Protein backbone atom coordinates (compact mmCIF):
# COMPACT_ATOMS: atom_id res chain seq x y z
CA MET A 1 141.02 96.69 -21.38
CA ILE A 2 137.92 98.68 -20.41
CA GLY A 3 136.24 95.42 -19.34
CA TRP A 4 139.07 94.73 -16.87
CA ILE A 5 138.84 98.24 -15.46
CA VAL A 6 135.06 97.92 -14.98
CA LEU A 7 135.53 94.49 -13.39
CA ALA A 8 138.21 95.89 -11.05
CA LEU A 9 135.91 98.79 -10.06
CA VAL A 10 133.03 96.38 -9.37
CA ILE A 11 135.28 94.16 -7.24
CA LEU A 12 136.61 97.22 -5.42
CA ALA A 13 133.04 98.44 -4.75
CA ILE A 14 132.05 95.00 -3.41
CA VAL A 15 135.13 94.80 -1.16
CA ALA A 16 134.50 98.34 0.13
CA SER A 17 130.82 97.55 0.77
CA VAL A 18 131.71 94.40 2.70
CA ALA A 19 134.29 96.31 4.76
CA ILE A 20 131.76 99.06 5.55
CA TYR A 21 129.09 96.50 6.47
CA ASN A 22 131.49 94.66 8.77
CA ARG A 23 132.52 97.93 10.42
CA LEU A 24 128.87 98.84 11.05
CA VAL A 25 128.21 95.40 12.54
CA ASN A 26 131.21 95.88 14.83
CA TYR A 27 129.89 99.26 16.03
CA ARG A 28 126.41 97.82 16.59
CA ASN A 29 127.82 94.89 18.58
CA ASP A 30 129.98 97.24 20.66
CA ALA A 31 126.84 99.23 21.50
CA LYS A 32 124.96 96.04 22.45
CA ASN A 33 127.84 94.97 24.67
CA ALA A 34 127.93 98.38 26.32
CA PHE A 35 124.20 98.10 27.06
CA ALA A 36 124.76 94.62 28.49
CA GLN A 37 127.17 96.19 31.00
CA ILE A 38 124.48 98.67 32.03
CA ASP A 39 122.05 95.76 32.34
CA VAL A 40 124.42 93.98 34.74
CA GLN A 41 124.85 97.03 36.97
CA LEU A 42 121.17 97.98 36.99
CA THR A 43 120.20 94.41 37.84
CA ARG A 44 122.73 94.47 40.68
CA ARG A 45 121.14 97.64 42.04
CA TYR A 46 117.62 96.23 41.63
CA ASP A 47 118.73 93.20 43.67
CA LEU A 48 120.12 95.42 46.45
CA ILE A 49 117.07 97.67 46.84
CA PRO A 50 114.76 95.05 48.45
CA ASN A 51 117.51 94.36 51.01
CA LEU A 52 117.74 98.08 51.76
CA VAL A 53 113.97 98.33 52.16
CA GLU A 54 113.89 95.24 54.38
CA VAL A 55 116.53 96.65 56.73
CA ALA A 56 114.72 100.00 56.84
CA ARG A 57 111.31 98.39 57.38
CA LYS A 58 112.02 97.48 61.01
CA TYR A 59 112.76 101.15 61.81
CA LEU A 60 110.24 102.80 59.53
CA GLN A 61 106.90 101.35 60.62
CA HIS A 62 105.21 104.70 59.94
CA GLU A 63 106.78 105.11 56.51
CA GLN A 64 105.23 102.12 54.70
CA GLU A 65 104.05 104.33 51.84
CA THR A 66 107.63 105.44 51.17
CA LEU A 67 108.90 101.86 51.23
CA THR A 68 106.10 100.67 48.95
CA ALA A 69 106.80 103.51 46.51
CA VAL A 70 110.50 102.55 46.34
CA ILE A 71 109.67 98.90 45.62
CA ALA A 72 107.08 99.90 43.00
CA ALA A 73 109.60 102.20 41.29
CA ARG A 74 112.21 99.43 41.42
CA ASP A 75 109.78 96.95 39.82
CA HIS A 76 108.82 99.47 37.14
CA ALA A 77 112.50 100.14 36.33
CA ALA A 78 113.27 96.40 36.24
CA ASN A 79 110.42 95.87 33.76
CA ALA A 80 111.63 98.79 31.65
CA LEU A 81 115.10 97.24 31.60
CA LYS A 82 113.65 93.88 30.57
CA ASN A 83 111.73 95.56 27.72
CA THR A 84 114.87 97.38 26.59
CA ALA A 85 117.50 94.66 26.98
CA GLY A 86 118.85 93.28 23.76
CA SER A 87 116.68 95.41 21.49
CA GLY A 88 118.22 98.82 22.04
CA THR A 89 114.73 100.28 21.81
CA ASN A 90 112.63 101.78 24.61
CA VAL A 91 115.74 103.45 26.01
CA GLY A 92 113.68 106.56 26.77
CA ALA A 93 111.24 104.54 28.88
CA LEU A 94 114.15 103.02 30.77
CA ALA A 95 115.63 106.47 31.39
CA ALA A 96 112.29 107.74 32.72
CA ALA A 97 111.88 104.71 34.99
CA GLU A 98 115.44 105.09 36.29
CA GLN A 99 114.86 108.76 36.98
CA ALA A 100 111.69 107.94 38.94
CA LEU A 101 113.54 105.24 40.89
CA GLY A 102 116.33 107.69 41.69
CA ALA A 103 113.78 110.18 43.00
CA ARG A 104 112.14 107.53 45.19
CA LEU A 105 115.50 106.38 46.56
CA GLY A 106 116.37 110.01 47.27
CA GLY A 107 113.14 110.35 49.23
CA LEU A 108 113.93 107.18 51.16
CA TYR A 109 117.43 108.41 51.99
CA ALA A 110 115.97 111.72 53.16
CA THR A 111 113.59 109.78 55.42
CA PHE A 112 116.58 108.02 56.98
CA GLU A 113 117.71 111.37 58.37
CA ASN A 114 114.71 111.37 60.73
CA TYR A 115 115.69 108.04 62.27
CA PRO A 116 119.07 108.16 64.07
CA ASP A 117 118.94 104.47 65.00
CA LEU A 118 118.44 103.56 61.37
CA LYS A 119 121.30 105.81 60.22
CA ALA A 120 123.55 104.05 62.75
CA ASP A 121 122.61 100.55 61.57
CA ASN A 122 125.75 98.85 60.19
CA GLN A 123 123.83 96.67 57.76
CA LEU A 124 122.08 99.70 56.31
CA ALA A 125 125.38 101.59 56.03
CA ALA A 126 126.93 98.65 54.16
CA LEU A 127 123.97 98.43 51.78
CA ARG A 128 124.02 102.16 51.11
CA GLU A 129 127.75 101.97 50.37
CA GLU A 130 127.20 99.05 48.01
CA ILE A 131 124.37 100.89 46.23
CA ALA A 132 126.53 104.02 45.94
CA SER A 133 129.33 101.93 44.45
CA THR A 134 126.87 100.40 42.03
CA GLU A 135 125.58 103.86 41.09
CA ASN A 136 129.13 104.84 40.16
CA ARG A 137 129.46 101.73 38.00
CA ILE A 138 126.12 102.51 36.35
CA ALA A 139 127.30 106.04 35.54
CA PHE A 140 130.53 104.69 34.03
CA SER A 141 128.66 102.01 32.05
CA ARG A 142 126.11 104.57 30.84
CA GLN A 143 128.91 106.85 29.64
CA HIS A 144 130.55 103.96 27.79
CA TYR A 145 127.19 103.03 26.25
CA ASN A 146 126.50 106.59 25.15
CA ASP A 147 130.01 106.83 23.64
CA SER A 148 129.41 103.57 21.76
CA ILE A 149 126.01 104.75 20.53
CA THR A 150 127.44 108.07 19.40
CA GLU A 151 130.17 106.27 17.45
CA TYR A 152 127.62 103.86 15.94
CA ASN A 153 125.18 106.65 15.00
CA SER A 154 128.00 108.67 13.45
CA ALA A 155 129.14 105.66 11.43
CA ILE A 156 125.69 104.95 9.96
CA GLU A 157 125.19 108.61 9.03
CA GLN A 158 128.47 109.09 7.16
CA PHE A 159 128.75 108.69 3.42
CA PRO A 160 129.09 106.07 1.90
CA ALA A 161 128.31 103.98 5.00
CA ASN A 162 124.82 105.52 5.15
CA LEU A 163 124.01 103.77 1.86
CA ILE A 164 125.04 100.39 3.22
CA ALA A 165 123.31 101.12 6.57
CA GLY A 166 120.07 101.95 4.78
CA MET A 167 120.19 98.82 2.63
CA PHE A 168 120.80 96.51 5.60
CA GLY A 169 118.49 98.10 8.16
CA PHE A 170 120.97 99.77 10.49
CA ARG A 171 118.94 102.32 12.48
CA ALA A 172 120.05 105.11 14.77
CA ALA A 173 120.00 104.17 18.45
CA GLU A 174 118.99 106.30 21.44
CA LEU A 175 121.35 107.59 24.07
CA LEU A 176 120.58 106.64 27.65
CA GLU A 177 120.23 110.00 29.37
CA ILE A 178 119.17 109.92 33.00
CA GLU A 179 118.87 113.20 34.83
CA ASP A 180 121.09 113.08 37.88
CA ILE A 181 118.60 113.53 40.69
CA ALA A 182 121.29 113.13 43.36
CA ALA A 183 123.30 116.05 42.01
CA LYS A 184 120.24 118.31 42.10
CA ARG A 185 119.04 117.17 45.51
CA GLN A 186 119.40 119.75 48.22
CA PRO A 187 121.25 118.73 51.38
CA VAL A 188 118.99 117.60 54.16
CA PRO A 189 119.04 120.15 56.99
CA VAL A 190 120.37 118.67 60.21
CA LYS A 191 119.36 120.27 63.48
CA PHE A 192 121.13 119.61 66.73
CA SER A 193 118.87 120.30 69.66
């Protein structure tokens, strides 16, 4: 009789371990999918930025340094995304690159205020609207990713899942935290003369 009880407990432990492992895999895959959504939106924004710069270039002949800085920040952020995609590592480097890109875009938008013809350009207005829409999607995707990562990290830290997580190499993942430069940016003073 004791042999059957021990066998039942062993089988129960195996079934519970398999269920915990499968649950952890599900959380990890949800987090990867959430990052893939961020990847899509960031790539969309990276594809729009050269168009924005190209439209602005014809008006901003004296602002080449600003335009070059935006493209350089865009390229740096795109490389950071490429180094992060799929692995879930280097999220901090991606956040820093995105923050720098946001600051450069903010500087470019502030420059637009000095060029009324540029501000009135319909193509530029459409691109800015599309980038703003994409920024909203990025924020939503980032929130979903961070929620998924929080759920995953919580799952691998809880007992007894932490035992299974440790045995099978589940590691805590980083949140994607990008300081919102736009929210902190001061309004550009407009003077009517």
